[in-house]
Protein backbone atom coordinates (compact mmCIF):
# COMPACT_ATOMS: atom_id res chain seq x y z
CA MET A 1 0.00 0.00 0.00
CA GLN A 2 2.83 2.41 0.71
CA GLN A 3 6.13 2.28 -1.10
CA GLY A 4 9.12 4.56 -0.95
CA TYR A 5 8.11 6.12 2.36
CA SER A 6 10.77 6.44 5.03
CA TYR A 7 10.96 8.12 8.39
CA ALA A 8 13.36 8.72 11.25
CA LEU A 9 12.91 7.26 14.71
CA THR A 10 13.71 10.12 17.06
CA ALA A 11 12.36 8.79 20.38
CA PRO A 12 13.04 5.52 22.20
CA MET A 13 10.51 2.80 21.41
CA GLY A 14 7.51 2.98 23.72
CA GLU A 15 8.77 6.12 25.47
CA ASP A 16 8.63 9.90 25.38
CA PHE A 17 4.95 10.08 24.45
CA ALA A 18 3.19 13.42 24.34
CA GLU A 19 1.80 14.67 27.63
CA GLY A 20 -1.52 13.02 28.38
CA PHE A 21 -1.17 10.40 25.65
CA LEU A 22 -1.27 7.20 27.69
CA PRO A 23 -2.57 4.27 25.64
CA ASP A 24 -3.45 1.17 27.66
CA LEU A 25 -2.11 -1.21 25.02
CA THR A 26 1.00 -1.52 22.90
CA PRO A 27 0.70 -2.37 19.20
CA ARG A 28 1.92 -5.89 20.00
CA GLN A 29 -0.79 -6.36 22.64
CA MET A 30 -3.43 -5.02 20.27
CA LEU A 31 -2.44 -7.44 17.51
CA ALA A 32 -2.44 -10.35 19.96
CA LEU A 33 -5.89 -9.44 21.25
CA GLY A 34 -7.32 -9.29 17.76
CA VAL A 35 -8.03 -5.95 16.16
CA PHE A 36 -9.32 -4.92 12.74
CA GLY A 37 -10.34 -8.48 11.87
CA GLY A 38 -6.69 -9.49 11.61
CA CYS A 39 -6.08 -7.85 8.23
CA TYR A 40 -4.11 -4.86 9.47
CA LEU A 41 -0.35 -4.73 8.71
CA THR A 42 -0.30 -8.17 7.08
CA ASP A 43 1.49 -6.89 3.98
CA CYS A 44 4.04 -4.63 5.68
CA ARG A 45 5.29 -6.72 8.60
CA ALA A 46 8.94 -6.04 7.75
CA GLU A 47 8.49 -2.42 8.85
CA PHE A 48 7.67 -3.41 12.42
CA PRO A 49 9.39 -5.57 15.06
CA ALA A 50 8.93 -9.28 14.39
CA ASP A 51 7.94 -9.94 18.00
CA TRP A 52 4.79 -7.84 17.48
CA PHE A 53 3.49 -10.63 15.25
CA GLY A 54 4.38 -13.69 17.36
CA ASP A 55 0.92 -13.93 18.95
CA ALA A 56 -0.94 -11.74 16.45
CA LYS A 57 -4.31 -12.84 15.16
CA LEU A 58 -3.95 -12.24 11.43
CA SER A 59 -6.10 -12.78 8.37
CA PRO A 60 -4.16 -11.74 5.26
CA GLY A 61 -6.26 -10.48 2.40
CA LYS A 62 -9.63 -10.12 4.09
CA ARG A 63 -10.70 -9.15 7.58
CA ASN A 64 -12.25 -11.79 9.77
CA PRO A 65 -14.23 -10.23 12.64
CA LYS A 66 -14.17 -13.57 14.48
CA LEU A 67 -10.49 -12.90 15.17
CA ASN A 68 -11.37 -9.72 17.06
CA TYR A 69 -11.22 -10.10 20.83
CA PHE A 70 -14.93 -9.43 21.17
CA GLY A 71 -15.77 -11.41 18.01
CA THR A 72 -17.62 -8.56 16.39
CA ASP A 73 -16.95 -6.15 13.54
CA ALA A 74 -16.27 -2.66 14.83
CA SER A 75 -14.54 -1.24 11.77
CA GLN A 76 -15.53 0.85 8.83
CA PRO A 77 -13.87 0.09 5.50
CA LEU A 78 -10.76 2.02 4.51
CA SER A 79 -12.79 3.67 1.74
CA GLU A 80 -15.00 5.27 4.40
CA TRP A 81 -11.94 6.52 6.31
CA ARG A 82 -10.75 8.14 3.08
CA ARG A 83 -14.16 9.67 2.39
CA LYS A 84 -14.26 11.22 5.86
CA GLY A 85 -10.77 12.67 5.52
CA TRP A 86 -9.40 10.76 8.51
CA LEU A 87 -6.20 9.69 6.75
CA HIS A 88 -2.92 11.51 6.41
CA GLN A 89 -0.91 10.81 3.26
CA ASP A 90 2.03 9.57 5.35
CA ASP A 91 -0.18 7.05 7.19
CA PRO A 92 -2.64 5.84 4.56
CA ARG A 93 -3.97 3.10 6.85
CA GLY A 94 -5.04 5.49 9.56
CA TRP A 95 -4.66 5.83 13.27
CA PHE A 96 -3.24 2.39 14.05
CA GLN A 97 -0.50 2.74 11.45
CA TRP A 98 0.28 6.16 12.91
CA TYR A 99 0.29 4.69 16.43
CA CYS A 100 2.63 1.82 15.48
CA ARG A 101 5.09 4.30 14.00
CA TYR A 102 4.70 6.69 16.93
CA TYR A 103 5.27 3.81 19.37
CA MET A 104 8.44 2.86 17.49
CA GLY A 105 9.74 6.43 17.91
CA ARG A 106 8.64 8.41 14.88
CA ARG A 107 7.44 11.91 15.65
CA HIS A 108 5.40 13.65 12.99
CA SER A 109 3.53 16.83 12.18
CA ASP A 110 0.25 14.86 12.41
CA ASP A 111 0.84 13.75 16.02
CA ASP A 112 -1.39 16.35 17.66
CA ARG A 113 -4.34 15.55 15.40
CA GLN A 114 -3.99 11.80 15.90
CA ILE A 115 -3.64 12.15 19.67
CA GLY A 116 -6.72 14.37 19.64
CA ARG A 117 -8.64 11.64 17.81
CA TRP A 118 -7.46 9.12 20.42
CA ARG A 119 -8.64 11.43 23.23
CA ALA A 120 -12.05 11.78 21.56
CA MET A 121 -12.56 8.02 21.91
CA ARG A 122 -12.55 8.44 25.70
CA ARG A 123 -16.27 9.27 25.51
CA HIS A 124 -16.86 5.57 24.81
CA VAL A 125 -15.12 4.68 28.06
CA GLY A 126 -17.62 6.87 29.92
CA GLN A 127 -20.52 5.34 28.01
CA LEU A 128 -19.41 1.82 28.92
CA ARG A 129 -18.96 2.73 32.57
CA GLY A 130 -22.44 4.21 32.62
CA ALA A 131 -24.17 1.34 30.82
CA CYS A 132 -22.29 -1.79 31.86
CA ASP A 133 -21.52 -3.58 35.10
CA MET A 134 -17.82 -3.72 35.96
CA GLY A 135 -16.24 -6.72 34.23
CA ASP A 136 -19.27 -7.54 32.05
CA LEU A 137 -17.41 -8.18 28.79
CA PHE A 138 -20.65 -9.10 27.04
CA CYS A 139 -22.08 -5.61 27.50
CA ARG A 140 -21.65 -3.55 24.31
CA PRO A 141 -19.06 -5.77 22.62
CA ARG A 142 -18.91 -3.65 19.45
CA GLN A 143 -18.12 -0.53 21.45
CA ARG A 144 -15.53 -2.47 23.48
CA GLN A 145 -13.92 -3.72 20.26
CA ALA A 146 -13.80 -0.19 18.88
CA LEU A 147 -11.98 0.92 22.03
CA LEU A 148 -9.42 -1.87 21.53
CA HIS A 149 -8.76 -0.46 18.07
CA TRP A 150 -7.73 2.77 19.80
CA ALA A 151 -5.47 1.13 22.45
CA TYR A 152 -8.03 1.46 25.24
CA ASP A 153 -8.32 -1.79 27.21
CA SER A 154 -12.04 -2.06 27.85
CA ARG A 155 -11.54 -5.39 29.64
CA ARG A 156 -10.64 -3.29 32.68
CA LEU A 157 -14.00 -1.50 32.72
């Protein structure tokens, strides 16, 4: 999907995040839990650390929502992301691609926007707390899966 793109890693992996940007999950943990129906990053694994994929639930070619931790589809197609203008040309796969690169140490002019989008997902945390009993993983599984896609660990709610 993206060829000829390169970037510098200017921060230590998993460190020096922007103030207030505190994801619950690392990219490796997200892939192991099952996000995006397993089809995310399947054709660009060489860009990322091999150990991220050791326990990853992957489905090359086509997403399989059964691989998602909550077993439900909580994604919109990439075409919809494009239509809504959510993508930056340097991260044509969206927030998770940005987050993987940010986690590895890339810092980018789009960081503030992407972190703002991550913060906006916090409203779903409040909605789950208000609607679900603590630890009830069967309450609002689609919303819980969507939170996993944004590195929020809704299993703790």
